Amino acid sequence: MRNRGRSPRSRDALANTRDACATLDQKFSRPKLSAMTDKNIALVPEEGWHCLHLFYQVEYGQWQLLSREDQNAAKTNLSSLVQEVRAMESTQLLTLSIVTPKADIGFMLITPDLHNANKIEKQLSLSLGADVLTPVYSYLSLTEESEYITSEDEYVRTLEPSVRNDQAKLDQALAAFRERMKHYRQERVYPTLPDWPVVCFYNMSKRRGEQRNWYALPYDERRKLMKGHAAVGREFAGKVKQLITGSTGLDDAEWGVTLFARDTFQIKAIVYKMRFDPVSAEYADFGEFYIGIQLPLDELFRRLQL
């Protein structure tokens, strides 16, 4: 009669296969599952902080359905949330009254951990009660430094021969240059947001069309163009502070631009003048512009008539 059972060799092979699979499962599957389900693992980028712009409309009909007691509780809830967020490490939160009917209230959040950005956004959306704040626009980006910054070798080539050929003078010039670049990098990658009242936000991308394709240009040409673009921005030093954040792969455009000023004239002036620069005139596409005023929450509530 034919033996339908497995031979000892087959049973040994099957057992070895099972052991190998178990080993692979322990090595690969289980740690992955743990990492995916562990909510305590911070999602901090290798470089930079997350930047989130949030703009909402107030649903006044829904707000009026709340009792005065519930309205006061809602405002207290948002105030407590703002204080709690601002107490978090390396986290900044601006509260804005948006000037046009595009939105009523805006927030600008900078924080390292993507988990915190996500949680704060959900909390802000519900802070005044269900259906009171309707999101009308949002933008996610990362703080970053420009890829076109001046290197030490480039800086040395700009120095006078009398400085380049004198080691003591060269060392002094390089020390000053390194300090400036350290400050620049800190302000771009790990910034402190100013308390200047006027805040302008818009997104932008570089063109990739048949006639103008920024990404088809050689690096040296892009670098030269960006140096001219940066020179225009430096003309507004002390009048406008700029924060350029990268959003390629994170949101619909490639950069978010936040401008801070003490009056709207300077915002209009810098954007207008940069429109004539080739980087903007030939290669830039812009999204919608949002103008907000930084206000403390008590004044913001009065402004919004809440």
C-alpha atoms as a PDB file:
ATOM      1  CA  MET A   1       0.000   0.000   0.000  1.00  0.00           C
ATOM      2  CA  ARG A   2       1.344   3.478  -0.956  1.00  0.00           C
ATOM      3  CA  ASN A   3       2.533   5.576   2.002  1.00  0.00           C
ATOM      4  CA  ARG A   4       0.578   8.892   1.921  1.00  0.00           C
ATOM      5  CA  GLY A   5       2.461  10.400   4.898  1.00  0.00           C
ATOM      6  CA  ARG A   6       5.498  12.673   4.660  1.00  0.00           C
ATOM      7  CA  SER A   7       8.955  11.152   4.802  1.00  0.00           C
ATOM      8  CA  PRO A   8      11.231  12.013   7.740  1.00  0.00           C
ATOM      9  CA  ARG A   9      13.296  14.154   5.352  1.00  0.00           C
ATOM     10  CA  SER A  10      10.190  16.086   4.256  1.00  0.00           C
ATOM     11  CA  ARG A  11       9.102  16.580   7.844  1.00  0.00           C
ATOM     12  CA  ASP A  12      12.550  17.913   8.744  1.00  0.00           C
ATOM     13  CA  ALA A  13      12.510  20.281   5.753  1.00  0.00           C
ATOM     14  CA  LEU A  14       9.056  21.563   6.718  1.00  0.00           C
ATOM     15  CA  ALA A  15      10.172  22.130  10.295  1.00  0.00           C
ATOM     16  CA  ASN A  16      13.249  24.031   9.115  1.00  0.00           C
ATOM     17  CA  THR A  17      11.089  26.193   6.860  1.00  0.00           C
ATOM     18  CA  ARG A  18       8.752  26.996   9.742  1.00  0.00           C
ATOM     19  CA  ASP A  19      11.691  27.929  11.963  1.00  0.00           C
ATOM     20  CA  ALA A  20      13.118  30.172   9.244  1.00  0.00           C
ATOM     21  CA  CYS A  21       9.780  31.905   8.751  1.00  0.00           C
ATOM     22  CA  ALA A  22       9.418  32.432  12.491  1.00  0.00           C
ATOM     23  CA  THR A  23      12.882  33.984  12.602  1.00  0.00           C
ATOM     24  CA  LEU A  24      12.052  36.322   9.723  1.00  0.00           C
ATOM     25  CA  ASP A  25       8.780  37.257  11.395  1.00  0.00           C
ATOM     26  CA  GLN A  26      10.608  38.191  14.572  1.00  0.00           C
ATOM     27  CA  LYS A  27      13.280  40.097  12.686  1.00  0.00           C
ATOM     28  CA  PHE A  28      11.113  42.140  10.351  1.00  0.00           C
ATOM     29  CA  SER A  29       7.386  41.990  10.943  1.00  0.00           C
ATOM     30  CA  ARG A  30       7.100  42.483  14.664  1.00  0.00           C
ATOM     31  CA  PRO A  31       9.370  45.542  15.004  1.00  0.00           C
ATOM     32  CA  LYS A  32       7.589  47.177  12.063  1.00  0.00           C
ATOM     33  CA  LEU A  33       4.233  46.572  13.671  1.00  0.00           C
ATOM     34  CA  SER A  34       5.488  47.963  16.945  1.00  0.00           C
ATOM     35  CA  ALA A  35       6.883  51.078  15.277  1.00  0.00           C
ATOM     36  CA  MET A  36       3.676  51.688  13.375  1.00  0.00           C
ATOM     37  CA  THR A  37       1.460  51.371  16.429  1.00  0.00           C
ATOM     38  CA  ASP A  38       3.672  53.153  18.972  1.00  0.00           C
ATOM     39  CA  LYS A  39       2.173  56.636  19.259  1.00  0.00           C
ATOM     40  CA  ASN A  40       4.940  57.742  21.626  1.00  0.00           C
ATOM     41  CA  ILE A  41       7.607  57.780  18.904  1.00  0.00           C
ATOM     42  CA  ALA A  42       8.220  61.399  17.937  1.00  0.00           C
ATOM     43  CA  LEU A  43       8.077  62.294  14.239  1.00  0.00           C
ATOM     44  CA  VAL A  44      10.765  64.963  14.258  1.00  0.00           C
ATOM     45  CA  PRO A  45      12.419  65.768  10.909  1.00  0.00           C
ATOM     46  CA  GLU A  46      16.135  65.318  10.430  1.00  0.00           C
ATOM     47  CA  GLU A  47      16.394  69.073   9.989  1.00  0.00           C
ATOM     48  CA  GLY A  48      13.928  71.904  10.561  1.00  0.00           C
ATOM     49  CA  TRP A  49      10.552  72.283  12.253  1.00  0.00           C
ATOM     50  CA  HIS A  50       7.042  71.720  10.944  1.00  0.00           C
ATOM     51  CA  CYS A  51       5.163  74.878   9.997  1.00  0.00           C
ATOM     52  CA  LEU A  52       1.371  74.845   9.749  1.00  0.00           C
ATOM     53  CA  HIS A  53      -0.815  77.726   8.577  1.00  0.00           C
ATOM     54  CA  LEU A  54      -4.515  77.335   9.424  1.00  0.00           C
ATOM     55  CA  PHE A  55      -7.338  79.658   8.393  1.00  0.00           C
ATOM     56  CA  TYR A  56     -10.975  79.334   9.497  1.00  0.00           C
ATOM     57  CA  GLN A  57     -14.324  81.006   9.024  1.00  0.00           C
ATOM     58  CA  VAL A  58     -16.509  81.484  12.094  1.00  0.00           C
ATOM     59  CA  GLU A  59     -19.992  80.024  11.669  1.00  0.00           C
ATOM     60  CA  TYR A  60     -21.882  82.757  13.504  1.00  0.00           C
ATOM     61  CA  GLY A  61     -25.227  80.999  13.166  1.00  0.00           C
ATOM     62  CA  GLN A  62     -23.840  77.969  14.983  1.00  0.00           C
ATOM     63  CA  TRP A  63     -22.155  80.227  17.561  1.00  0.00           C
ATOM     64  CA  GLN A  64     -25.429  81.985  18.350  1.00  0.00           C
ATOM     65  CA  LEU A  65     -27.050  78.635  19.139  1.00  0.00           C
ATOM     66  CA  LEU A  66     -24.718  78.297  22.129  1.00  0.00           C
ATOM     67  CA  SER A  67     -25.770  79.724  25.472  1.00  0.00           C
ATOM     68  CA  ARG A  68     -23.710  82.571  26.926  1.00  0.00           C
ATOM     69  CA  GLU A  69     -22.285  80.114  29.448  1.00  0.00           C
ATOM     70  CA  ASP A  70     -21.240  77.702  26.669  1.00  0.00           C
ATOM     71  CA  GLN A  71     -19.742  80.553  24.641  1.00  0.00           C
ATOM     72  CA  ASN A  72     -17.618  81.670  27.599  1.00  0.00           C
ATOM     73  CA  ALA A  73     -16.545  78.077  28.194  1.00  0.00           C
ATOM     74  CA  ALA A  74     -15.557  77.761  24.524  1.00  0.00           C
ATOM     75  CA  LYS A  75     -13.428  80.918  24.609  1.00  0.00           C
ATOM     76  CA  THR A  76     -11.794  79.751  27.834  1.00  0.00           C
ATOM     77  CA  ASN A  77     -11.065  76.416  26.165  1.00  0.00           C
ATOM     78  CA  LEU A  78      -9.311  78.083  23.207  1.00  0.00           C
ATOM     79  CA  SER A  79      -7.368  80.398  25.535  1.00  0.00           C
ATOM     80  CA  SER A  80      -6.185  77.439  27.634  1.00  0.00           C
ATOM     81  CA  LEU A  81      -5.209  75.511  24.506  1.00  0.00           C
ATOM     82  CA  VAL A  82      -3.151  78.419  23.171  1.00  0.00           C
ATOM     83  CA  GLN A  83      -1.335  78.761  26.503  1.00  0.00           C
ATOM     84  CA  GLU A  84      -0.704  75.012  26.628  1.00  0.00           C
ATOM     85  CA  VAL A  85       0.700  74.953  23.083  1.00  0.00           C
ATOM     86  CA  ARG A  86       2.938  77.952  23.671  1.00  0.00           C
ATOM     87  CA  ALA A  87       4.393  76.234  26.730  1.00  0.00           C
ATOM     88  CA  MET A  88       5.515  73.248  24.637  1.00  0.00           C
ATOM     89  CA  GLU A  89       9.215  72.934  23.859  1.00  0.00           C
ATOM     90  CA  SER A  90      10.362  74.630  20.616  1.00  0.00           C
ATOM     91  CA  THR A  91       6.754  75.417  19.726  1.00  0.00           C
ATOM     92  CA  GLN A  92       5.290  78.768  18.662  1.00  0.00           C
ATOM     93  CA  LEU A  93       1.677  79.669  17.920  1.00  0.00           C
ATOM     94  CA  LEU A  94       0.456  82.970  16.467  1.00  0.00           C
ATOM     95  CA  THR A  95      -3.197  84.054  16.618  1.00  0.00           C
ATOM     96  CA  LEU A  96      -4.358  86.189  13.695  1.00  0.00           C
ATOM     97  CA  SER A  97      -7.405  88.181  12.691  1.00  0.00           C
ATOM     98  CA  ILE A  98      -7.696  87.782   8.916  1.00  0.00           C
ATOM     99  CA  VAL A  99      -8.484  91.111   7.278  1.00  0.00           C
ATOM    100  CA  THR A 100     -10.595  90.008   4.292  1.00  0.00           C
ATOM    101  CA  PRO A 101     -13.623  87.674   4.160  1.00  0.00           C
ATOM    102  CA  LYS A 102     -11.379  84.898   2.841  1.00  0.00           C
ATOM    103  CA  ALA A 103     -11.211  83.829   6.493  1.00  0.00           C
ATOM    104  CA  ASP A 104     -11.954  85.179   9.974  1.00  0.00           C
ATOM    105  CA  ILE A 105      -9.314  83.692  12.230  1.00  0.00           C
ATOM    106  CA  GLY A 106      -5.878  82.276  11.515  1.00  0.00           C
ATOM    107  CA  PHE A 107      -3.163  80.376  13.331  1.00  0.00           C
ATOM    108  CA  MET A 108       0.492  79.926  12.474  1.00  0.00           C
ATOM    109  CA  LEU A 109       2.092  76.994  14.267  1.00  0.00           C
ATOM    110  CA  ILE A 110       5.734  75.958  14.365  1.00  0.00           C
ATOM    111  CA  THR A 111       6.622  72.765  16.216  1.00  0.00           C
ATOM    112  CA  PRO A 112       9.175  69.946  15.728  1.00  0.00           C
ATOM    113  CA  ASP A 113       6.979  66.857  16.174  1.00  0.00           C
ATOM    114  CA  LEU A 114       4.459  66.022  13.441  1.00  0.00           C
ATOM    115  CA  HIS A 115       2.313  64.239  16.052  1.00  0.00           C
ATOM    116  CA  ASN A 116       2.005  67.495  17.982  1.00  0.00           C
ATOM    117  CA  ALA A 117       1.228  69.476  14.826  1.00  0.00           C
ATOM    118  CA  ASN A 118      -1.520  67.001  13.991  1.00  0.00           C
ATOM    119  CA  LYS A 119      -3.003  66.980  17.504  1.00  0.00           C
ATOM    120  CA  ILE A 120      -2.890  70.762  17.854  1.00  0.00           C
ATOM    121  CA  GLU A 121      -4.587  71.256  14.499  1.00  0.00           C
ATOM    122  CA  LYS A 122      -7.457  68.933  15.506  1.00  0.00           C
ATOM    123  CA  GLN A 123      -7.786  70.657  18.884  1.00  0.00           C
ATOM    124  CA  LEU A 124      -7.842  74.133  17.330  1.00  0.00           C
ATOM    125  CA  SER A 125     -10.506  73.100  14.831  1.00  0.00           C
ATOM    126  CA  LEU A 126     -12.826  72.013  17.652  1.00  0.00           C
ATOM    127  CA  SER A 127     -11.725  74.542  20.267  1.00  0.00           C
ATOM    128  CA  LEU A 128     -14.836  76.762  20.059  1.00  0.00           C
ATOM    129  CA  GLY A 129     -17.235  73.844  19.746  1.00  0.00           C
ATOM    130  CA  ALA A 130     -18.381  71.507  17.001  1.00  0.00           C
ATOM    131  CA  ASP A 131     -19.090  73.241  13.667  1.00  0.00           C
ATOM    132  CA  VAL A 132     -18.157  76.720  14.924  1.00  0.00           C
ATOM    133  CA  LEU A 133     -14.847  76.941  13.034  1.00  0.00           C
ATOM    134  CA  THR A 134     -14.890  75.850   9.395  1.00  0.00           C
ATOM    135  CA  PRO A 135     -11.426  75.381   7.835  1.00  0.00           C
ATOM    136  CA  VAL A 136     -11.078  77.314   4.592  1.00  0.00           C
ATOM    137  CA  TYR A 137      -7.330  76.978   3.942  1.00  0.00           C
ATOM    138  CA  SER A 138      -4.341  75.186   5.384  1.00  0.00           C
ATOM    139  CA  TYR A 139      -0.707  74.771   4.447  1.00  0.00           C
ATOM    140  CA  LEU A 140       1.999  72.417   5.753  1.00  0.00           C
ATOM    141  CA  SER A 141       5.709  73.039   5.254  1.00  0.00           C
ATOM    142  CA  LEU A 142       9.130  72.678   6.877  1.00  0.00           C
ATOM    143  CA  THR A 143      11.574  75.373   7.888  1.00  0.00           C
ATOM    144  CA  GLU A 144      14.718  75.104   5.785  1.00  0.00           C
ATOM    145  CA  GLU A 145      17.831  76.928   4.670  1.00  0.00           C
ATOM    146  CA  SER A 146      18.418  77.877   1.064  1.00  0.00           C
ATOM    147  CA  GLU A 147      20.475  75.580  -1.127  1.00  0.00           C
ATOM    148  CA  TYR A 148      22.074  78.682  -2.643  1.00  0.00           C
ATOM    149  CA  ILE A 149      23.806  80.074   0.444  1.00  0.00           C
ATOM    150  CA  THR A 150      27.330  81.440   0.043  1.00  0.00           C
ATOM    151  CA  SER A 151      30.125  78.984   0.815  1.00  0.00           C
ATOM    152  CA  GLU A 152      33.344  79.962   2.563  1.00  0.00           C
ATOM    153  CA  ASP A 153      35.339  79.588  -0.659  1.00  0.00           C
ATOM    154  CA  GLU A 154      32.929  81.901  -2.485  1.00  0.00           C
ATOM    155  CA  TYR A 155      33.119  84.413   0.323  1.00  0.00           C
ATOM    156  CA  VAL A 156      36.920  84.387   0.300  1.00  0.00           C
ATOM    157  CA  ARG A 157      36.924  85.136  -3.432  1.00  0.00           C
ATOM    158  CA  THR A 158      34.929  88.315  -2.759  1.00  0.00           C
ATOM    159  CA  LEU A 159      37.539  89.683  -0.342  1.00  0.00           C
ATOM    160  CA  GLU A 160      40.154  92.239  -1.264  1.00  0.00           C
ATOM    161  CA  PRO A 161      43.628  90.781  -2.054  1.00  0.00           C
ATOM    162  CA  SER A 162      45.014  92.632   0.964  1.00  0.00           C
ATOM    163  CA  VAL A 163      42.676  90.595   3.186  1.00  0.00           C
ATOM    164  CA  ARG A 164      43.086  87.277   1.375  1.00  0.00           C
ATOM    165  CA  ASN A 165      46.887  87.502   1.550  1.00  0.00           C
ATOM    166  CA  ASP A 166      47.033  88.453   5.225  1.00  0.00           C
ATOM    167  CA  GLN A 167      46.309  85.389   7.366  1.00  0.00           C
ATOM    168  CA  ALA A 168      45.319  87.374  10.442  1.00  0.00           C
ATOM    169  CA  LYS A 169      42.873  89.546   8.493  1.00  0.00           C
ATOM    170  CA  LEU A 170      41.556  86.496   6.630  1.00  0.00           C
ATOM    171  CA  ASP A 171      40.953  84.604   9.875  1.00  0.00           C
ATOM    172  CA  GLN A 172      39.120  87.610  11.312  1.00  0.00           C
ATOM    173  CA  ALA A 173      36.955  87.961   8.186  1.00  0.00           C
ATOM    174  CA  LEU A 174      36.136  84.233   8.163  1.00  0.00           C
ATOM    175  CA  ALA A 175      35.218  84.267  11.852  1.00  0.00           C
ATOM    176  CA  ALA A 176      32.781  87.113  11.225  1.00  0.00           C
ATOM    177  CA  PHE A 177      31.386  85.302   8.151  1.00  0.00           C
ATOM    178  CA  ARG A 178      30.840  82.072  10.087  1.00  0.00           C
ATOM    179  CA  GLU A 179      29.027  83.950  12.843  1.00  0.00           C
ATOM    180  CA  ARG A 180      26.725  85.612  10.299  1.00  0.00           C
ATOM    181  CA  MET A 181      25.996  82.286   8.622  1.00  0.00           C
ATOM    182  CA  LYS A 182      25.294  80.665  11.981  1.00  0.00           C
ATOM    183  CA  HIS A 183      22.777  83.408  12.753  1.00  0.00           C
ATOM    184  CA  TYR A 184      21.261  83.095   9.261  1.00  0.00           C
ATOM    185  CA  ARG A 185      20.842  79.339   9.592  1.00  0.00           C
ATOM    186  CA  GLN A 186      19.286  79.676  13.034  1.00  0.00           C
ATOM    187  CA  GLU A 187      16.761  82.206  11.750  1.00  0.00           C
ATOM    188  CA  ARG A 188      15.831  80.091   8.741  1.00  0.00           C
ATOM    189  CA  VAL A 189      15.824  76.578  10.190  1.00  0.00           C
ATOM    190  CA  TYR A 190      14.987  77.218  13.863  1.00  0.00           C
ATOM    191  CA  PRO A 191      13.394  80.685  13.799  1.00  0.00           C
ATOM    192  CA  THR A 192      11.869  82.866  16.464  1.00  0.00           C
ATOM    193  CA  LEU A 193       8.713  84.376  15.000  1.00  0.00           C
ATOM    194  CA  PRO A 194       8.531  88.164  15.429  1.00  0.00           C
ATOM    195  CA  ASP A 195       5.634  89.945  17.110  1.00  0.00           C
ATOM    196  CA  TRP A 196       5.268  92.434  14.252  1.00  0.00           C
ATOM    197  CA  PRO A 197       1.555  93.059  13.712  1.00  0.00           C
ATOM    198  CA  VAL A 198       1.084  92.516   9.957  1.00  0.00           C
ATOM    199  CA  VAL A 199       1.458  88.945   8.688  1.00  0.00           C
ATOM    200  CA  CYS A 200       1.202  88.003   5.011  1.00  0.00           C
ATOM    201  CA  PHE A 201       1.158  84.392   3.808  1.00  0.00           C
ATOM    202  CA  TYR A 202       1.157  82.939   0.306  1.00  0.00           C
ATOM    203  CA  ASN A 203       2.500  79.849  -1.390  1.00  0.00           C
ATOM    204  CA  MET A 204       4.616  79.708  -4.528  1.00  0.00           C
ATOM    205  CA  SER A 205       6.146  77.251  -6.959  1.00  0.00           C
ATOM    206  CA  LYS A 206       8.796  77.477  -9.665  1.00  0.00           C
ATOM    207  CA  ARG A 207       7.581  77.021 -13.234  1.00  0.00           C
ATOM    208  CA  ARG A 208       8.217  73.806 -15.118  1.00  0.00           C
ATOM    209  CA  GLY A 209       6.604  74.747 -18.427  1.00  0.00           C
ATOM    210  CA  GLU A 210       7.891  74.402 -21.982  1.00  0.00           C
ATOM    211  CA  GLN A 211       9.064  78.033 -22.179  1.00  0.00           C
ATOM    212  CA  ARG A 212      10.344  78.430 -18.617  1.00  0.00           C
ATOM    213  CA  ASN A 213      11.543  75.477 -16.561  1.00  0.00           C
ATOM    214  CA  TRP A 214      13.399  76.398 -13.386  1.00  0.00           C
ATOM    215  CA  TYR A 215      14.489  72.822 -12.778  1.00  0.00           C
ATOM    216  CA  ALA A 216      16.026  72.510 -16.227  1.00  0.00           C
ATOM    217  CA  LEU A 217      18.427  75.384 -15.531  1.00  0.00           C
ATOM    218  CA  PRO A 218      22.014  74.534 -14.519  1.00  0.00           C
ATOM    219  CA  TYR A 219      22.680  74.915 -10.809  1.00  0.00           C
ATOM    220  CA  ASP A 220      25.134  77.786 -11.292  1.00  0.00           C
ATOM    221  CA  GLU A 221      22.549  79.767 -13.258  1.00  0.00           C
ATOM    222  CA  ARG A 222      19.878  79.156 -10.628  1.00  0.00           C
ATOM    223  CA  ARG A 223      22.334  80.178  -7.943  1.00  0.00           C
ATOM    224  CA  LYS A 224      23.150  83.430  -9.753  1.00  0.00           C
ATOM    225  CA  LEU A 225      19.468  84.252 -10.186  1.00  0.00           C
ATOM    226  CA  MET A 226      18.694  83.544  -6.530  1.00  0.00           C
ATOM    227  CA  LYS A 227      21.539  85.792  -5.369  1.00  0.00           C
ATOM    228  CA  GLY A 228      19.930  88.670  -7.242  1.00  0.00           C
ATOM    229  CA  HIS A 229      16.559  87.757  -5.756  1.00  0.00           C
ATOM    230  CA  ALA A 230      18.016  87.716  -2.242  1.00  0.00           C
ATOM    231  CA  ALA A 231      19.616  91.129  -2.835  1.00  0.00           C
ATOM    232  CA  VAL A 232      16.154  92.622  -3.377  1.00  0.00           C
ATOM    233  CA  GLY A 233      14.986  91.106  -0.086  1.00  0.00           C
ATOM    234  CA  ARG A 234      17.933  92.597   1.790  1.00  0.00           C
ATOM    235  CA  GLU A 235      16.817  96.076   0.733  1.00  0.00           C
ATOM    236  CA  PHE A 236      13.908  95.633   3.149  1.00  0.00           C
ATOM    237  CA  ALA A 237      16.032  94.629   6.154  1.00  0.00           C
ATOM    238  CA  GLY A 238      14.448  96.061   9.300  1.00  0.00           C
ATOM    239  CA  LYS A 239      11.170  96.629   7.454  1.00  0.00           C
ATOM    240  CA  VAL A 240      10.119  93.098   6.450  1.00  0.00           C
ATOM    241  CA  LYS A 241      11.084  89.767   7.972  1.00  0.00           C
ATOM    242  CA  GLN A 242      10.736  86.756   5.700  1.00  0.00           C
ATOM    243  CA  LEU A 243      10.323  83.096   6.555  1.00  0.00           C
ATOM    244  CA  ILE A 244      10.550  80.770   3.551  1.00  0.00           C
ATOM    245  CA  THR A 245       9.442  77.217   4.329  1.00  0.00           C
ATOM    246  CA  GLY A 246       9.704  74.218   2.004  1.00  0.00           C
ATOM    247  CA  SER A 247       6.652  72.151   1.101  1.00  0.00           C
ATOM    248  CA  THR A 248       7.690  69.940  -1.824  1.00  0.00           C
ATOM    249  CA  GLY A 249       5.932  66.630  -1.209  1.00  0.00           C
ATOM    250  CA  LEU A 250       4.099  68.072   1.800  1.00  0.00           C
ATOM    251  CA  ASP A 251       1.497  70.345   0.200  1.00  0.00           C
ATOM    252  CA  ASP A 252       0.253  71.547  -3.175  1.00  0.00           C
ATOM    253  CA  ALA A 253       2.955  74.132  -3.870  1.00  0.00           C
ATOM    254  CA  GLU A 254       6.706  74.052  -3.268  1.00  0.00           C
ATOM    255  CA  TRP A 255       7.238  76.850  -0.749  1.00  0.00           C
ATOM    256  CA  GLY A 256       5.277  78.805   1.809  1.00  0.00           C
ATOM    257  CA  VAL A 257       6.221  82.465   2.239  1.00  0.00           C
ATOM    258  CA  THR A 258       5.403  84.310   5.467  1.00  0.00           C
ATOM    259  CA  LEU A 259       6.171  88.026   5.615  1.00  0.00           C
ATOM    260  CA  PHE A 260       6.091  90.059   8.833  1.00  0.00           C
ATOM    261  CA  ALA A 261       5.918  93.854   8.812  1.00  0.00           C
ATOM    262  CA  ARG A 262       4.785  96.818  10.885  1.00  0.00           C
ATOM    263  CA  ASP A 263       2.555  98.165   8.122  1.00  0.00           C
ATOM    264  CA  THR A 264       1.004  96.945   4.877  1.00  0.00           C
ATOM    265  CA  PHE A 265       2.975  99.401   2.737  1.00  0.00           C
ATOM    266  CA  GLN A 266       6.172  97.398   3.235  1.00  0.00           C
ATOM    267  CA  ILE A 267       4.417  94.140   2.352  1.00  0.00           C
ATOM    268  CA  LYS A 268       3.131  95.647  -0.889  1.00  0.00           C
ATOM    269  CA  ALA A 269       6.496  97.241  -1.650  1.00  0.00           C
ATOM    270  CA  ILE A 270       8.616  94.098  -1.277  1.00  0.00           C
ATOM    271  CA  VAL A 271       6.239  91.860  -3.216  1.00  0.00           C
ATOM    272  CA  TYR A 272       5.916  94.457  -5.993  1.00  0.00           C
ATOM    273  CA  LYS A 273       9.659  95.012  -6.311  1.00  0.00           C
ATOM    274  CA  MET A 274      10.394  91.289  -6.353  1.00  0.00           C
ATOM    275  CA  ARG A 275       7.899  90.820  -9.204  1.00  0.00           C
ATOM    276  CA  PHE A 276      10.432  92.549 -11.479  1.00  0.00           C
ATOM    277  CA  ASP A 277      13.237  90.220 -10.468  1.00  0.00           C
ATOM    278  CA  PRO A 278      13.704  87.409 -13.061  1.00  0.00           C
ATOM    279  CA  VAL A 279      13.185  84.689 -10.438  1.00  0.00           C
ATOM    280  CA  SER A 280       9.640  85.967  -9.871  1.00  0.00           C
ATOM    281  CA  ALA A 281       8.910  87.510 -13.270  1.00  0.00           C
ATOM    282  CA  GLU A 282       9.941  84.486 -15.321  1.00  0.00           C
ATOM    283  CA  TYR A 283       9.851  81.470 -13.041  1.00  0.00           C
ATOM    284  CA  ALA A 284       7.397  81.955 -10.155  1.00  0.00           C
ATOM    285  CA  ASP A 285       3.723  81.028  -9.759  1.00  0.00           C
ATOM    286  CA  PHE A 286       1.856  82.318  -6.695  1.00  0.00           C
ATOM    287  CA  GLY A 287      -1.115  81.104  -4.691  1.00  0.00           C
ATOM    288  CA  GLU A 288      -3.657  83.194  -2.797  1.00  0.00           C
ATOM    289  CA  PHE A 289      -2.485  85.919  -0.429  1.00  0.00           C
ATOM    290  CA  TYR A 290      -3.751  86.076   3.158  1.00  0.00           C
ATOM    291  CA  ILE A 291      -3.237  89.163   5.332  1.00  0.00           C
ATOM    292  CA  GLY A 292      -3.628  88.833   9.080  1.00  0.00           C
ATOM    293  CA  ILE A 293      -3.064  90.993  12.148  1.00  0.00           C
ATOM    294  CA  GLN A 294      -1.406  89.482  15.196  1.00  0.00           C
ATOM    295  CA  LEU A 295      -3.741  89.981  18.147  1.00  0.00           C
ATOM    296  CA  PRO A 296      -3.937  88.584  21.687  1.00  0.00           C
ATOM    297  CA  LEU A 297      -6.928  86.318  22.128  1.00  0.00           C
ATOM    298  CA  ASP A 298      -9.027  88.709  24.210  1.00  0.00           C
ATOM    299  CA  GLU A 299      -8.778  91.363  21.490  1.00  0.00           C
ATOM    300  CA  LEU A 300      -9.274  88.726  18.794  1.00  0.00           C
ATOM    301  CA  PHE A 301     -12.537  87.637  20.435  1.00  0.00           C
ATOM    302  CA  ARG A 302     -13.734  91.254  20.498  1.00  0.00           C
ATOM    303  CA  ARG A 303     -12.688  91.768  16.879  1.00  0.00           C
ATOM    304  CA  LEU A 304     -14.640  88.677  15.832  1.00  0.00           C
ATOM    305  CA  GLN A 305     -17.583  89.695  18.024  1.00  0.00           C
ATOM    306  CA  LEU A 306     -17.534  86.400  19.904  1.00  0.00           C
END
